Protein backbone atom coordinates (compact mmCIF):
# COMPACT_ATOMS: atom_id res chain seq x y z
CA MET A 1 49.88 77.94 136.04
CA PRO A 2 49.73 74.35 134.72
CA ALA A 3 53.05 72.66 134.04
CA PRO A 4 54.00 72.36 130.35
CA ASN A 5 53.49 69.00 128.74
CA PRO A 6 56.65 66.90 128.88
CA VAL A 7 58.56 66.34 125.66
CA THR A 8 58.46 62.61 125.03
CA ARG A 9 59.05 62.19 121.28
CA VAL A 10 61.95 63.99 119.63
CA GLY A 11 63.08 63.81 116.00
CA MET A 12 66.42 64.59 114.40
CA PHE A 13 66.62 65.42 110.69
CA GLY A 14 70.11 66.23 109.52
CA GLY A 15 71.61 66.94 106.14
CA ALA A 16 73.68 69.32 104.07
CA PHE A 17 70.52 71.18 102.98
CA ASP A 18 72.50 72.63 100.10
CA PRO A 19 69.82 73.69 99.30
CA PRO A 20 66.75 72.47 101.20
CA HIS A 21 64.03 71.44 98.72
CA TRP A 22 60.42 70.28 98.63
CA ALA A 23 61.29 66.66 99.47
CA HIS A 24 63.00 67.86 102.65
CA CYS A 25 59.94 69.91 103.59
CA GLU A 26 57.54 67.04 102.93
CA LEU A 27 59.71 64.61 104.88
CA ALA A 28 59.81 66.96 107.89
CA LYS A 29 56.03 67.40 107.81
CA THR A 30 55.46 63.65 107.43
CA ALA A 31 57.76 62.86 110.35
CA LEU A 32 56.06 65.39 112.61
CA ASP A 33 52.62 64.03 111.81
CA GLN A 34 53.17 60.27 111.57
CA LEU A 35 55.60 60.00 114.50
CA SER A 36 53.58 62.43 116.65
CA LEU A 37 56.76 64.33 117.45
CA ASP A 38 56.81 67.01 120.10
CA VAL A 39 59.77 68.62 118.35
CA LEU A 40 61.88 67.97 115.23
CA HIS A 41 65.43 69.28 115.21
CA ILE A 42 66.62 70.35 111.74
CA LEU A 43 70.41 70.05 111.76
CA PRO A 44 72.45 71.46 108.87
CA THR A 45 75.70 69.53 108.55
CA GLY A 46 78.89 71.10 109.82
CA HIS A 47 82.10 69.40 108.69
CA ALA A 48 80.70 66.83 106.27
CA TRP A 49 83.24 63.99 106.49
CA HIS A 50 81.27 61.95 103.90
CA LYS A 51 80.92 64.68 101.23
CA ALA A 52 83.50 64.86 98.44
CA ARG A 53 82.46 68.36 97.38
CA VAL A 54 82.78 71.59 99.35
CA LEU A 55 79.45 72.70 100.80
CA SER A 56 78.03 76.18 100.54
CA SER A 57 78.72 78.33 103.58
CA ALA A 58 76.91 77.48 106.79
CA GLU A 59 75.44 80.98 106.79
CA HIS A 60 73.66 80.37 103.48
CA ARG A 61 72.48 76.88 104.35
CA VAL A 62 71.07 77.96 107.72
CA ALA A 63 69.30 80.93 106.12
CA MET A 64 67.73 78.70 103.46
CA CYS A 65 66.60 76.18 106.11
CA ARG A 66 64.97 78.98 108.06
CA LEU A 67 63.04 79.96 104.94
CA ALA A 68 62.18 76.40 103.88
CA PHE A 69 60.82 75.14 107.20
CA SER A 70 59.33 78.37 108.57
CA ASP A 71 55.70 77.32 108.09
CA LEU A 72 55.99 74.10 110.11
CA ASP A 73 55.19 74.00 113.82
CA ARG A 74 57.33 72.05 116.30
CA ILE A 75 60.48 72.65 114.22
CA ARG A 76 63.73 73.71 115.87
CA LEU A 77 66.55 74.88 113.61
CA ASP A 78 69.59 73.51 115.40
CA GLU A 79 73.04 74.86 114.49
CA ARG A 80 75.12 72.77 116.89
CA GLU A 81 76.79 70.64 114.21
CA ILE A 82 77.89 73.73 112.33
CA HIS A 83 79.64 75.06 115.42
CA ARG A 84 81.17 71.73 116.42
CA GLN A 85 84.91 71.52 115.86
CA GLY A 86 86.13 68.83 113.47
CA PRO A 87 84.00 66.12 111.84
CA SER A 88 80.43 65.95 113.11
CA TYR A 89 78.84 62.58 113.75
CA THR A 90 75.18 61.75 114.24
CA ALA A 91 75.96 59.60 117.28
CA ASP A 92 77.38 62.63 119.09
CA THR A 93 74.30 64.73 118.36
CA LEU A 94 71.93 61.98 119.48
CA ARG A 95 73.84 61.61 122.75
CA GLU A 96 73.45 65.34 123.35
CA LEU A 97 69.73 65.21 122.56
CA ARG A 98 69.27 62.31 124.96
CA SER A 99 70.81 64.43 127.72
CA GLU A 100 68.63 67.41 126.81
CA TYR A 101 65.42 65.36 126.71
CA PRO A 102 65.81 62.77 129.47
CA GLY A 103 63.40 59.91 129.04
CA ALA A 104 62.24 60.98 125.58
CA GLU A 105 62.13 58.58 122.63
CA LEU A 106 64.46 59.71 119.84
CA PHE A 107 63.82 59.26 116.12
CA LEU A 108 66.35 59.73 113.33
CA VAL A 109 64.58 60.80 110.13
CA LEU A 110 66.15 59.48 106.90
CA GLY A 111 65.55 58.97 103.22
CA ALA A 112 65.88 55.49 101.73
CA ASP A 113 69.19 56.37 100.07
CA GLN A 114 70.70 57.16 103.48
CA LEU A 115 69.35 53.92 104.94
CA LEU A 116 71.10 51.88 102.24
CA ALA A 117 74.41 53.55 103.15
CA PHE A 118 73.79 53.46 106.90
CA LYS A 119 76.37 50.81 107.75
CA ASN A 120 79.06 53.07 106.29
CA TRP A 121 78.33 55.70 108.93
CA ILE A 122 80.78 56.26 111.76
CA ARG A 123 79.51 54.47 114.93
CA TRP A 124 76.31 53.36 113.24
CA GLN A 125 75.66 50.72 115.91
CA GLU A 126 75.65 53.47 118.52
CA VAL A 127 73.11 55.41 116.46
CA LEU A 128 70.81 52.36 116.49
CA ASP A 129 71.13 52.13 120.27
CA LEU A 130 70.14 55.77 120.69
CA ALA A 131 67.32 56.28 118.18
CA THR A 132 64.66 54.62 116.06
CA LEU A 133 65.29 55.00 112.34
CA ALA A 134 62.28 56.55 110.57
CA VAL A 135 62.63 56.15 106.81
CA ALA A 136 60.77 57.58 103.82
CA ASN A 137 61.20 55.84 100.51
CA ARG A 138 62.73 57.59 97.53
CA ALA A 139 62.76 56.92 93.82
CA THR A 140 65.47 54.71 92.37
CA ASN A 141 66.99 57.71 90.59
CA ILE A 142 67.18 61.04 92.43
CA GLY A 143 70.21 62.40 90.61
CA ALA A 144 70.52 65.60 88.64
CA ASP A 145 68.95 63.97 85.56
CA ALA A 146 66.00 62.33 87.38
CA ARG A 147 62.48 62.78 86.04
CA LEU A 148 60.05 64.25 88.55
CA ASP A 149 57.27 61.85 87.55
CA GLN A 150 59.06 58.52 88.01
CA GLU A 151 57.28 55.95 90.16
CA SER A 152 59.99 53.35 90.79
CA GLU A 153 60.74 53.12 94.52
CA THR A 154 64.01 52.05 96.07
CA ASP A 155 63.91 48.40 97.14
CA LEU A 156 64.43 48.19 100.91
CA SER A 157 63.46 44.54 101.26
CA GLY A 158 67.06 43.44 101.79
CA VAL A 159 67.85 45.93 104.55
CA ASP A 160 68.68 44.04 107.75
CA LEU A 161 68.26 46.99 110.08
CA PRO A 162 65.29 47.87 112.29
CA PHE A 163 63.36 50.89 111.03
CA VAL A 164 59.86 52.29 110.78
CA ARG A 165 58.47 53.43 107.44
CA LEU A 166 57.17 56.92 106.85
CA ARG A 167 54.34 56.97 104.33
CA MET A 168 54.86 59.82 101.94
CA PRO A 169 54.43 60.30 98.17
CA LEU A 170 57.62 59.96 96.17
CA LYS A 171 59.40 63.29 95.72
CA ASN A 172 62.01 62.74 93.03
CA ILE A 173 63.96 65.84 93.97
CA SER A 174 67.54 66.14 95.14
CA ALA A 175 69.82 69.01 96.04
CA SER A 176 72.13 67.94 93.22
CA ALA A 177 69.25 68.39 90.75
CA VAL A 178 68.62 71.91 92.06
CA ARG A 179 72.29 72.84 91.81
CA ALA A 180 72.53 71.37 88.31
CA ARG A 181 69.55 73.36 87.10
CA VAL A 182 70.90 76.63 88.51
CA SER A 183 74.41 76.02 87.17
CA GLN A 184 73.21 75.78 83.56
CA PRO A 185 73.04 79.23 81.95
CA ARG A 186 70.04 78.21 79.84
CA SER A 187 68.01 77.13 82.86
CA ARG A 188 68.92 79.83 85.37
CA GLU A 189 65.72 81.64 84.60
CA ALA A 190 63.61 78.48 84.71
CA ALA A 191 61.18 78.30 87.59
CA LEU A 192 62.72 76.59 90.59
CA ASP A 193 59.51 76.47 92.59
CA VAL A 194 58.82 72.90 91.46
CA LEU A 195 62.02 71.92 93.27
CA VAL A 196 62.37 74.35 96.19
CA PRO A 197 60.07 76.71 98.12
CA GLU A 198 59.69 80.10 96.49
CA ALA A 199 61.55 81.87 99.31
CA VAL A 200 64.51 79.52 98.87
CA ALA A 201 64.51 80.06 95.10
CA SER A 202 64.60 83.82 95.68
CA TYR A 203 67.47 83.45 98.14
CA ILE A 204 69.47 81.33 95.66
CA SER A 205 68.97 83.97 92.97
CA GLN A 206 69.71 86.91 95.27
CA HIS A 207 73.01 85.41 96.43
CA SER A 208 73.98 83.86 93.06
CA LEU A 209 74.39 80.43 94.60
CA TYR A 210 75.36 77.40 92.52
CA GLN A 211 75.97 79.45 89.37
CA THR A 212 78.93 78.80 87.10
CA PRO A 213 80.50 81.69 85.18
CA THR A 214 79.05 82.31 81.75
């Protein structure tokens, strides 16, 4: 039996995924294709030290990720940060991945908004030593009130960090926009499939996520 091909290019794509939406799916697909990754680890955040709000339960976020990314090959849903005690830092996860894939090149997949805040991360210099930043641009406004058809990209010209660009169409979608739509009684019945995969929309409805009492 021939030996399996060695894993030489590994991606890490972390986030709250509360919920995962179409921009997440497109970014994962783009990273797999353009970086020629052997595997892309999808890592739902555990203890989110940088988030002011309380996240939905890990159980829900993992289940939605499984639904959102199920049609992509070379994806590994990785729950390690959820099970890690205390705050979870990207540098720790990258160190673990380096041990698990000796000799492989590591890529950290980000959106432009995360790149602009990168120097606020804990041990960000260590992250740069461990992985290549792979960044997809995002629109200037991705908040709850953002229009889906806007074409104004975030300006990354002043970023003094090394990174490679991922070429992908702007997806002006954010998890906050999804939560805002669901939380409004008038829009609860509005189609969510323009923002999230149909299976994720069904899961949100089934479990009454993000709804405020009426």
